[in-house]
Protein backbone atom coordinates (compact mmCIF):
# COMPACT_ATOMS: atom_id res chain seq x y z
CA UNK A 1 -4.20 0.46 29.64
CA UNK A 2 -3.99 -0.04 25.74
CA UNK A 3 -0.49 0.88 24.06
CA UNK A 4 -0.73 3.19 21.35
CA UNK A 5 0.62 2.20 18.12
CA UNK A 6 3.06 4.05 15.74
CA UNK A 7 2.51 4.20 12.03
CA UNK A 8 5.24 1.78 11.40
CA UNK A 9 3.80 -0.78 13.89
CA UNK A 10 0.31 -0.30 12.14
CA UNK A 11 1.52 -0.90 8.75
CA UNK A 12 3.56 -3.82 9.99
CA UNK A 13 0.62 -5.53 11.46
CA UNK A 14 -2.18 -4.11 9.23
CA UNK A 15 -2.45 -7.58 7.28
CA UNK A 16 -3.32 -9.35 10.49
CA UNK A 17 -6.63 -7.32 11.00
CA UNK A 18 -9.86 -8.15 9.95
CA UNK A 19 -10.24 -7.96 6.11
CA UNK A 20 -6.49 -7.91 5.96
CA UNK A 21 -6.73 -4.29 7.14
CA UNK A 22 -8.31 -3.16 3.89
CA UNK A 23 -10.72 -0.98 5.80
CA UNK A 24 -8.72 0.11 8.52
CA UNK A 25 -6.79 2.99 9.30
CA UNK A 26 -4.66 4.46 12.59
CA UNK A 27 -6.44 7.40 14.47
CA UNK A 28 -4.73 8.79 17.15
CA UNK A 29 -2.87 5.15 17.75
CA UNK A 30 -5.37 3.01 17.67
CA UNK A 31 -6.91 0.86 14.55
CA UNK A 32 -9.86 2.02 13.59
CA UNK A 33 -12.37 0.18 11.22
CA UNK A 34 -14.22 1.61 8.42
CA UNK A 35 -17.40 0.32 6.91
CA UNK A 36 -16.63 -1.63 3.44
CA UNK A 37 -17.82 0.67 0.53
CA UNK A 38 -20.31 -0.55 -2.12
CA UNK A 39 -19.38 -1.21 -5.69
CA UNK A 40 -19.99 2.50 -6.77
CA UNK A 41 -16.82 3.53 -4.72
CA UNK A 42 -14.86 1.09 -6.99
CA UNK A 43 -16.63 2.60 -10.27
CA UNK A 44 -15.31 6.30 -9.10
CA UNK A 45 -11.87 5.00 -8.26
CA UNK A 46 -11.81 3.56 -11.46
CA UNK A 47 -12.98 6.39 -13.41
CA UNK A 48 -10.92 8.87 -11.58
CA UNK A 49 -7.55 6.88 -11.84
CA UNK A 50 -8.44 6.78 -15.84
CA UNK A 51 -9.00 10.65 -16.28
CA UNK A 52 -5.67 11.44 -13.90
CA UNK A 53 -3.67 8.93 -15.61
CA UNK A 54 -4.85 10.77 -18.95
CA UNK A 55 -3.97 14.13 -17.22
CA UNK A 56 -0.41 12.83 -16.19
CA UNK A 57 0.05 11.50 -20.02
CA UNK A 58 -1.23 14.99 -21.52
CA UNK A 59 0.73 17.35 -19.34
CA UNK A 60 3.95 15.53 -17.52
CA UNK A 61 3.11 17.13 -14.29
CA UNK A 62 2.97 15.32 -11.15
CA UNK A 63 1.62 11.92 -10.30
CA UNK A 64 -1.20 10.11 -8.61
CA UNK A 65 -1.33 7.50 -6.02
CA UNK A 66 -4.06 5.65 -4.83
CA UNK A 67 -4.98 4.21 -1.27
CA UNK A 68 -1.47 5.54 -0.22
CA UNK A 69 -1.63 6.12 3.54
CA UNK A 70 -0.90 9.55 4.95
CA UNK A 71 0.71 9.99 8.26
CA UNK A 72 -1.59 13.34 8.92
CA UNK A 73 -0.49 13.64 12.40
CA UNK A 74 2.11 12.07 15.29
CA UNK A 75 2.58 11.25 18.51
CA UNK A 76 -0.07 9.82 18.42
CA UNK A 77 0.23 8.73 15.15
CA UNK A 78 -2.90 8.87 12.74
CA UNK A 79 -2.71 7.13 9.13
CA UNK A 80 -5.53 8.10 6.66
CA UNK A 81 -5.94 6.18 3.31
CA UNK A 82 -7.86 8.50 0.82
CA UNK A 83 -9.15 7.24 -2.47
CA UNK A 84 -6.50 9.23 -4.21
CA UNK A 85 -3.75 11.65 -3.82
CA UNK A 86 -1.87 13.89 -6.28
CA UNK A 87 1.77 14.95 -5.77
CA UNK A 88 3.17 17.83 -8.08
CA UNK A 89 6.72 17.74 -6.29
CA UNK A 90 9.48 15.63 -5.89
CA UNK A 91 10.65 12.47 -8.18
CA UNK A 92 8.24 11.07 -10.33
CA UNK A 93 6.40 8.26 -8.36
CA UNK A 94 8.81 8.86 -5.60
CA UNK A 95 5.34 7.87 -3.16
CA UNK A 96 3.99 5.45 -5.28
CA UNK A 97 5.37 2.05 -3.86
CA UNK A 98 5.24 3.44 -0.26
CA UNK A 99 2.65 1.78 2.34
CA UNK A 100 2.21 5.58 3.95
CA UNK A 101 4.10 8.80 3.26
CA UNK A 102 4.72 11.94 5.51
CA UNK A 103 4.74 14.04 2.29
CA UNK A 104 1.69 16.27 1.98
CA UNK A 105 0.22 15.83 -1.53
CA UNK A 106 -1.23 18.75 -3.55
CA UNK A 107 -4.79 17.20 -3.48
CA UNK A 108 -6.48 14.40 -1.84
CA UNK A 109 -9.29 12.87 -2.97
CA UNK A 110 -11.95 11.30 -0.57
CA UNK A 111 -15.06 9.37 -1.17
CA UNK A 112 -18.11 9.70 0.82
CA UNK A 113 -19.36 6.32 -0.18
CA UNK A 114 -20.38 4.97 3.48
CA UNK A 115 -22.04 6.22 6.63
CA UNK A 116 -19.05 6.52 8.57
CA UNK A 117 -16.98 8.07 5.92
CA UNK A 118 -19.68 10.81 5.41
CA UNK A 119 -19.92 11.25 9.39
CA UNK A 120 -15.92 11.91 9.67
CA UNK A 121 -15.69 14.02 6.69
CA UNK A 122 -15.05 17.12 8.35
CA UNK A 123 -12.36 15.78 10.69
CA UNK A 124 -10.63 14.40 7.73
CA UNK A 125 -10.64 17.44 6.03
CA UNK A 126 -9.38 19.47 8.74
CA UNK A 127 -6.60 17.05 9.57
CA UNK A 128 -5.45 16.92 5.72
CA UNK A 129 -5.53 20.81 5.79
CA UNK A 130 -3.42 21.00 9.13
CA UNK A 131 -1.02 18.38 7.39
CA UNK A 132 -0.42 20.71 4.52
CA UNK A 133 -2.74 19.30 1.54
CA UNK A 134 -4.18 22.41 0.35
CA UNK A 135 -7.01 20.91 -1.70
CA UNK A 136 -9.27 18.12 -1.10
CA UNK A 137 -12.03 16.99 -3.12
CA UNK A 138 -14.89 14.84 -1.58
CA UNK A 139 -16.59 13.14 -4.13
CA UNK A 140 -20.25 12.33 -3.01
CA UNK A 141 -21.70 9.48 -4.84
CA UNK A 142 -25.19 9.94 -2.71
CA UNK A 143 -25.61 13.53 -4.30
CA UNK A 144 -23.57 12.87 -7.31
CA UNK A 145 -21.26 15.98 -6.79
CA UNK A 146 -18.02 16.69 -5.62
CA UNK A 147 -17.19 19.25 -2.82
CA UNK A 148 -13.89 21.31 -3.43
CA UNK A 149 -12.29 22.23 -0.21
CA UNK A 150 -9.34 24.55 -0.22
CA UNK A 151 -7.68 25.68 2.89
CA UNK A 152 -8.73 28.85 3.99
CA UNK A 153 -11.73 29.16 1.51
CA UNK A 154 -15.38 28.28 1.15
CA UNK A 155 -16.39 24.72 -0.01
CA UNK A 156 -17.57 24.76 -3.37
CA UNK A 157 -19.90 22.15 -4.61
CA UNK A 158 -19.54 21.08 -8.54
CA UNK A 159 -22.70 18.92 -9.47
CA UNK A 160 -23.10 16.05 -11.75
CA UNK A 161 -24.06 18.14 -14.88
CA UNK A 162 -20.84 20.61 -14.26
CA UNK A 163 -17.32 20.00 -15.16
CA UNK A 164 -14.83 19.66 -12.33
CA UNK A 165 -11.83 22.03 -13.24
CA UNK A 166 -8.67 21.08 -11.35
CA UNK A 167 -6.81 24.72 -11.83
CA UNK A 168 -5.34 24.62 -9.14
CA UNK A 169 -3.70 22.32 -8.44
CA UNK A 170 -3.98 20.46 -11.75
CA UNK A 171 -3.99 22.70 -14.30
CA UNK A 172 -5.76 21.84 -17.42
CA UNK A 173 -7.64 19.28 -15.96
CA UNK A 174 -11.42 18.80 -16.61
CA UNK A 175 -13.97 16.03 -15.90
CA UNK A 176 -17.68 16.03 -16.07
CA UNK A 177 -18.58 15.02 -12.48
CA UNK A 178 -21.22 12.63 -13.77
CA UNK A 179 -18.62 10.77 -15.42
CA UNK A 180 -17.18 9.89 -12.06
CA UNK A 181 -20.20 7.68 -11.29
CA UNK A 182 -20.41 5.82 -14.68
CA UNK A 183 -20.28 2.04 -14.27
CA UNK A 184 -17.51 0.79 -16.83
CA UNK A 185 -18.54 -0.90 -20.07
CA UNK A 186 -16.85 -3.85 -19.31
CA UNK A 187 -18.72 -4.52 -15.77
CA UNK A 188 -22.12 -4.24 -17.62
């Protein structure tokens, strides 16, 4: 019988996994591998990081973390690595240098940028909500939209031509959804 790993054991050995564990997560104590995303995934993360960084500078509220592991369940442990998390409470950047955290952020941003990610999205959102994350945004590069999943509410979809508003949890945050998918100038 295969011994189940804890979150700490997974983090400790992650770099020994294929691709240095970059596309690996821990699911119910067992390492699981995701398909590597395409270049558009990186464009979205870059554009989102710039927008969230500008929001932090403007408001001074909260902070974003990228590729931070979230220990969404224990015994057996599940550690997911969403594209971005946004924390509104606690010391500024307290979670930023950790490989994973047990603290639920106010917002998780996931990218449905590969087939396996798309297939798992409902389970991932359910796990985030059960973990205590009230807001999950699913960026869909294929349909060029963002699905806003608020715990206990109907999913709302914001199209490419519309503006994504972050109220709540990010008061005053606004970003045209289409801007998430723009290829950075330096890349062209």
